[in-house]
Structures are given as C-alpha cells and as structure tokens.
N, C-alpha and C. Protein backbone atom coordinates (compact mmCIF):
# COMPACT_ATOMS: atom_id res chain seq x y z
N MET A 1 -2.90 -7.49 -9.11
CA MET A 1 -2.37 -7.42 -7.76
C MET A 1 -0.89 -7.09 -7.85
N THR A 2 -0.46 -6.13 -7.06
CA THR A 2 0.93 -5.70 -7.03
C THR A 2 1.51 -5.99 -5.65
N ASP A 3 2.77 -6.35 -5.60
CA ASP A 3 3.46 -6.61 -4.33
C ASP A 3 4.48 -5.52 -4.09
N GLY A 4 4.81 -5.31 -2.81
CA GLY A 4 5.82 -4.32 -2.47
C GLY A 4 6.12 -4.34 -0.99
N THR A 5 6.85 -3.32 -0.53
CA THR A 5 7.25 -3.20 0.86
C THR A 5 6.83 -1.83 1.38
N VAL A 6 6.27 -1.79 2.59
CA VAL A 6 5.85 -0.53 3.20
C VAL A 6 7.08 0.29 3.55
N LYS A 7 7.15 1.54 3.03
CA LYS A 7 8.26 2.45 3.32
C LYS A 7 7.89 3.46 4.38
N VAL A 8 6.67 4.00 4.30
CA VAL A 8 6.22 5.06 5.22
C VAL A 8 4.81 4.74 5.65
N ARG A 9 4.54 4.98 6.93
CA ARG A 9 3.17 4.81 7.46
C ARG A 9 2.86 6.06 8.26
N ASN A 10 1.97 6.91 7.75
CA ASN A 10 1.61 8.17 8.40
C ASN A 10 0.17 8.08 8.86
N LEU A 11 -0.03 7.78 10.15
CA LEU A 11 -1.37 7.61 10.67
C LEU A 11 -2.13 8.92 10.80
N SER A 12 -1.43 10.02 11.07
CA SER A 12 -2.13 11.30 11.22
C SER A 12 -2.76 11.76 9.90
N LYS A 13 -2.12 11.42 8.78
CA LYS A 13 -2.67 11.78 7.47
C LYS A 13 -3.34 10.59 6.80
N ARG A 14 -3.32 9.44 7.45
CA ARG A 14 -4.02 8.23 7.00
C ARG A 14 -3.57 7.72 5.64
N PHE A 15 -2.26 7.59 5.46
CA PHE A 15 -1.77 6.99 4.22
C PHE A 15 -0.54 6.14 4.49
N ILE A 16 -0.27 5.25 3.56
CA ILE A 16 0.89 4.37 3.57
C ILE A 16 1.57 4.54 2.22
N VAL A 17 2.90 4.61 2.20
CA VAL A 17 3.65 4.63 0.96
C VAL A 17 4.30 3.27 0.81
N VAL A 18 4.05 2.63 -0.32
CA VAL A 18 4.59 1.31 -0.61
C VAL A 18 5.52 1.40 -1.81
N GLU A 19 6.71 0.83 -1.67
CA GLU A 19 7.61 0.71 -2.82
C GLU A 19 7.27 -0.60 -3.51
N GLY A 20 6.71 -0.51 -4.70
CA GLY A 20 6.33 -1.70 -5.44
C GLY A 20 7.55 -2.45 -5.96
N ASP A 21 7.36 -3.72 -6.23
CA ASP A 21 8.45 -4.52 -6.80
C ASP A 21 8.88 -3.99 -8.16
N ASP A 22 8.03 -3.16 -8.78
CA ASP A 22 8.38 -2.56 -10.07
C ASP A 22 9.22 -1.29 -9.90
N GLY A 23 9.53 -0.91 -8.64
CA GLY A 23 10.35 0.26 -8.36
C GLY A 23 9.57 1.54 -8.16
N ALA A 24 8.27 1.54 -8.45
CA ALA A 24 7.45 2.73 -8.29
C ALA A 24 6.94 2.84 -6.86
N ASN A 25 6.66 4.07 -6.42
CA ASN A 25 6.06 4.30 -5.11
C ASN A 25 4.57 4.48 -5.28
N TYR A 26 3.79 3.83 -4.42
CA TYR A 26 2.34 3.88 -4.45
C TYR A 26 1.83 4.43 -3.13
N THR A 27 0.84 5.31 -3.19
CA THR A 27 0.20 5.83 -1.99
C THR A 27 -1.10 5.06 -1.79
N VAL A 28 -1.30 4.57 -0.56
CA VAL A 28 -2.48 3.77 -0.25
C VAL A 28 -3.12 4.35 1.01
N SER A 29 -4.43 4.56 0.99
CA SER A 29 -5.14 5.04 2.17
C SER A 29 -5.19 3.95 3.23
N THR A 30 -4.99 4.32 4.50
CA THR A 30 -5.09 3.34 5.58
C THR A 30 -6.52 2.83 5.72
N ARG A 31 -7.47 3.53 5.17
CA ARG A 31 -8.88 3.10 5.23
C ARG A 31 -9.16 1.90 4.32
N SER A 32 -8.24 1.62 3.40
CA SER A 32 -8.47 0.50 2.48
C SER A 32 -7.67 -0.74 2.88
N THR A 33 -7.29 -0.82 4.17
CA THR A 33 -6.54 -1.97 4.66
C THR A 33 -7.46 -3.16 4.87
N VAL A 34 -7.02 -4.34 4.41
CA VAL A 34 -7.76 -5.59 4.61
C VAL A 34 -6.96 -6.44 5.59
N GLY A 35 -7.57 -6.80 6.71
CA GLY A 35 -6.87 -7.62 7.70
C GLY A 35 -6.02 -6.77 8.62
N PRO A 36 -4.95 -7.36 9.17
CA PRO A 36 -4.08 -6.63 10.11
C PRO A 36 -3.44 -5.42 9.46
N LYS A 37 -3.16 -4.40 10.27
CA LYS A 37 -2.54 -3.18 9.77
C LYS A 37 -1.08 -3.42 9.39
N ALA A 38 -0.68 -2.93 8.24
CA ALA A 38 0.69 -3.09 7.75
C ALA A 38 1.61 -2.10 8.47
N GLN A 39 2.79 -2.55 8.81
CA GLN A 39 3.81 -1.74 9.47
C GLN A 39 4.96 -1.50 8.49
N VAL A 40 5.79 -0.52 8.79
CA VAL A 40 6.97 -0.23 7.95
C VAL A 40 7.83 -1.50 7.87
N GLY A 41 8.22 -1.86 6.66
CA GLY A 41 9.04 -3.04 6.43
C GLY A 41 8.25 -4.28 6.06
N ASP A 42 6.92 -4.27 6.27
CA ASP A 42 6.09 -5.43 5.92
C ASP A 42 5.99 -5.60 4.41
N ARG A 43 5.98 -6.85 3.96
CA ARG A 43 5.68 -7.17 2.57
C ARG A 43 4.16 -7.15 2.42
N VAL A 44 3.67 -6.45 1.42
CA VAL A 44 2.24 -6.30 1.22
C VAL A 44 1.85 -6.57 -0.23
N SER A 45 0.57 -6.83 -0.42
CA SER A 45 -0.04 -6.94 -1.74
C SER A 45 -1.17 -5.91 -1.80
N PHE A 46 -1.41 -5.36 -2.97
CA PHE A 46 -2.48 -4.38 -3.12
C PHE A 46 -2.92 -4.31 -4.56
N ASP A 47 -4.10 -3.76 -4.76
CA ASP A 47 -4.64 -3.57 -6.10
C ASP A 47 -4.23 -2.19 -6.61
N ASN A 48 -3.90 -2.09 -7.88
CA ASN A 48 -3.61 -0.79 -8.48
C ASN A 48 -4.91 -0.02 -8.65
N ASP A 49 -4.87 1.27 -8.34
CA ASP A 49 -6.01 2.15 -8.55
C ASP A 49 -5.80 2.82 -9.91
N PRO A 50 -6.72 2.62 -10.86
CA PRO A 50 -6.51 3.15 -12.21
C PRO A 50 -6.50 4.68 -12.28
N ASP A 51 -7.02 5.38 -11.25
CA ASP A 51 -7.03 6.84 -11.24
C ASP A 51 -5.67 7.35 -10.77
N GLU A 52 -4.83 7.76 -11.70
CA GLU A 52 -3.49 8.23 -11.37
C GLU A 52 -3.37 9.74 -11.49
N THR A 53 -4.47 10.47 -11.25
CA THR A 53 -4.43 11.92 -11.35
C THR A 53 -3.55 12.53 -10.27
N LYS A 54 -3.36 11.84 -9.14
CA LYS A 54 -2.50 12.32 -8.05
C LYS A 54 -1.31 11.39 -7.87
N GLY A 55 -0.84 10.78 -8.91
CA GLY A 55 0.27 9.85 -8.82
C GLY A 55 -0.22 8.42 -8.72
N LYS A 56 0.72 7.49 -8.59
CA LYS A 56 0.34 6.08 -8.51
C LYS A 56 -0.31 5.80 -7.17
N ARG A 57 -1.45 5.11 -7.22
CA ARG A 57 -2.20 4.81 -6.01
C ARG A 57 -2.55 3.33 -5.97
N GLY A 58 -2.78 2.86 -4.77
CA GLY A 58 -3.21 1.49 -4.57
C GLY A 58 -4.42 1.46 -3.67
N LYS A 59 -5.04 0.31 -3.58
CA LYS A 59 -6.18 0.12 -2.68
C LYS A 59 -6.23 -1.34 -2.27
N ASN A 60 -7.01 -1.64 -1.26
CA ASN A 60 -7.16 -3.00 -0.75
C ASN A 60 -5.82 -3.61 -0.35
N ILE A 61 -5.05 -2.87 0.44
CA ILE A 61 -3.73 -3.33 0.86
C ILE A 61 -3.87 -4.41 1.93
N ARG A 62 -3.03 -5.43 1.83
CA ARG A 62 -3.03 -6.51 2.83
C ARG A 62 -1.62 -7.01 2.97
N ILE A 63 -1.31 -7.54 4.18
CA ILE A 63 0.00 -8.15 4.39
C ILE A 63 0.07 -9.35 3.47
N ALA A 64 1.22 -9.55 2.82
CA ALA A 64 1.36 -10.52 1.73
C ALA A 64 0.96 -11.94 2.13
N ASP A 65 1.26 -12.37 3.35
CA ASP A 65 0.93 -13.73 3.76
C ASP A 65 -0.46 -13.87 4.37
N TYR A 66 -1.20 -12.77 4.47
CA TYR A 66 -2.53 -12.80 5.08
C TYR A 66 -3.54 -13.30 4.06
N ALA A 67 -4.32 -14.29 4.41
CA ALA A 67 -5.30 -14.88 3.48
C ALA A 67 -6.54 -14.03 3.36
C-alpha cells in the first residue's frame, strides 16, 4: 500500500494523478476508486500496479482515513 496526495483529477479522461510519498507520480483510473471520490489535495492510499509499461500506476485508490 502506498500513500500520497492527489495532484490532478481529470474526469473527462477518467484518471487521477497522485504524488506518492516516495516522490513519484502515479496514474490511477477513477474506475478503481474505493469509497468516496478523491479530490485534489486529498491524502489517499492505493495499491501499486506491477505493470509499469505506461509508467507508474496505482489501483484501488481510497481516501487515507476511509475504512
């Protein structure tokens, strides 16, 4: 599980860009959101997607305090 902050939320293209605490940027599909939708500036947690053919990706994004 990786933590970070939402930097960009593009609903028309259905993706979120998260700046991870490790300094890397991760692209996460809005379709893989668990619980309430994350907004720009929200602290989030997500799983790393091992397929990095298109850059660093995440999945199962959730607001950090959401159970």
